[in-house]
Every structure is written in structure tokens, then in C-alpha cells.
Amino acid sequence: MFKRIRELREDNDLTQKQLAKFLNCSQQVYSNYELGQRDIPTDILIKLSKYYNVSVDYLLDLTEIKQPPK
């Protein structure tokens, strides 16, 4: 999961600071999410899912499919 959120951030040319601001947390807290040093709260997972337009399952590394079929 931690690798996925970093890859998505980098693929979108965003800094940790920019994403932390969007999530209303500090850059250090966000960094800890990416490093796997801190569990990501459910509300943050949902925000990231909507922001990147991917499923929470994708963020959690439970699937390789970014979005389930509609």
C-alpha cells in the first residue's frame, strides 16, 4: 500500500507537502504514511482514492485494477 501512494504521488508530479496540505496533515505525517511508519486512517484512504480516481482496494494493494468496472 505504501508503495502505491508514493507511485501515484510521483506519477502526478506532486510533492509530499502538496498532498499533505490537501489532506490537512503535516508533511511529516504524510511521509510516515508513504514509509509505512504510520497506518493510514480510513478517511484519508477515501480522500486519496477520490483524488486519484482509484479504488481503495488499489491503494491497499489488493488489486492491480485501478478502478472496478461500472
Protein backbone atom coordinates (compact mmCIF):
# COMPACT_ATOMS: atom_id res chain seq x y z
CA MET A 1 0.00 0.00 0.00
CA PHE A 2 2.72 2.44 0.93
CA LYS A 3 4.47 1.98 -2.39
CA ARG A 4 1.22 2.69 -4.25
CA ILE A 5 0.56 6.06 -2.66
CA ARG A 6 4.11 7.16 -3.38
CA GLU A 7 3.91 6.00 -7.00
CA LEU A 8 0.62 7.81 -7.51
CA ARG A 9 2.00 11.00 -5.99
CA GLU A 10 5.13 10.88 -8.14
CA ASP A 11 3.19 9.96 -11.29
CA ASN A 12 1.11 13.11 -10.73
CA ASP A 13 4.19 15.28 -10.13
CA LEU A 14 3.12 16.19 -6.61
CA THR A 15 5.24 16.82 -3.55
CA GLN A 16 4.55 15.36 -0.16
CA LYS A 17 3.92 18.90 1.05
CA GLN A 18 1.23 19.49 -1.58
CA LEU A 19 -0.55 16.27 -0.74
CA ALA A 20 -0.25 16.87 2.99
CA LYS A 21 -1.92 20.26 2.51
CA PHE A 22 -4.76 18.62 0.55
CA LEU A 23 -5.18 16.01 3.30
CA ASN A 24 -4.90 18.63 6.04
CA CYS A 25 -1.95 16.97 7.75
CA SER A 26 1.72 17.76 8.13
CA GLN A 27 4.31 16.75 5.55
CA GLN A 28 5.92 14.55 8.21
CA VAL A 29 2.67 12.66 8.84
CA TYR A 30 2.22 12.13 5.11
CA SER A 31 5.82 10.97 4.80
CA ASN A 32 5.16 8.44 7.54
CA TYR A 33 2.20 7.10 5.51
CA GLU A 34 4.45 6.59 2.48
CA LEU A 35 7.15 4.93 4.56
CA GLY A 36 4.67 2.61 6.26
CA GLN A 37 5.57 4.02 9.65
CA ARG A 38 2.02 5.12 10.32
CA ASP A 39 -1.29 3.48 9.44
CA ILE A 40 -3.42 5.48 7.05
CA PRO A 41 -6.81 6.32 8.56
CA THR A 42 -9.87 5.26 6.58
CA ASP A 43 -10.95 8.83 5.87
CA ILE A 44 -7.53 9.59 4.37
CA LEU A 45 -7.68 6.45 2.21
CA ILE A 46 -11.06 7.57 0.89
CA LYS A 47 -9.76 11.08 0.14
CA LEU A 48 -6.75 9.64 -1.70
CA SER A 49 -8.99 7.25 -3.61
CA LYS A 50 -11.22 10.08 -4.80
CA TYR A 51 -8.29 12.40 -5.51
CA TYR A 52 -6.51 9.88 -7.75
CA ASN A 53 -9.74 8.32 -9.06
CA VAL A 54 -8.68 4.82 -8.00
CA SER A 55 -10.32 2.25 -5.77
CA VAL A 56 -9.41 1.88 -2.12
CA ASP A 57 -8.60 -1.75 -2.94
CA TYR A 58 -5.99 -0.49 -5.40
CA LEU A 59 -4.48 1.77 -2.74
CA LEU A 60 -4.41 -1.15 -0.32
CA ASP A 61 -2.61 -3.26 -2.96
CA LEU A 62 -5.46 -5.78 -3.04
CA THR A 63 -5.90 -5.47 -6.80
CA GLU A 64 -3.97 -4.35 -9.84
CA ILE A 65 -7.12 -2.80 -11.32
CA LYS A 66 -7.21 0.92 -10.59
CA GLN A 67 -11.00 1.24 -10.95
CA PRO A 68 -13.60 -1.52 -10.80
CA PRO A 69 -15.93 -1.81 -13.80
CA LYS A 70 -19.06 0.35 -13.56
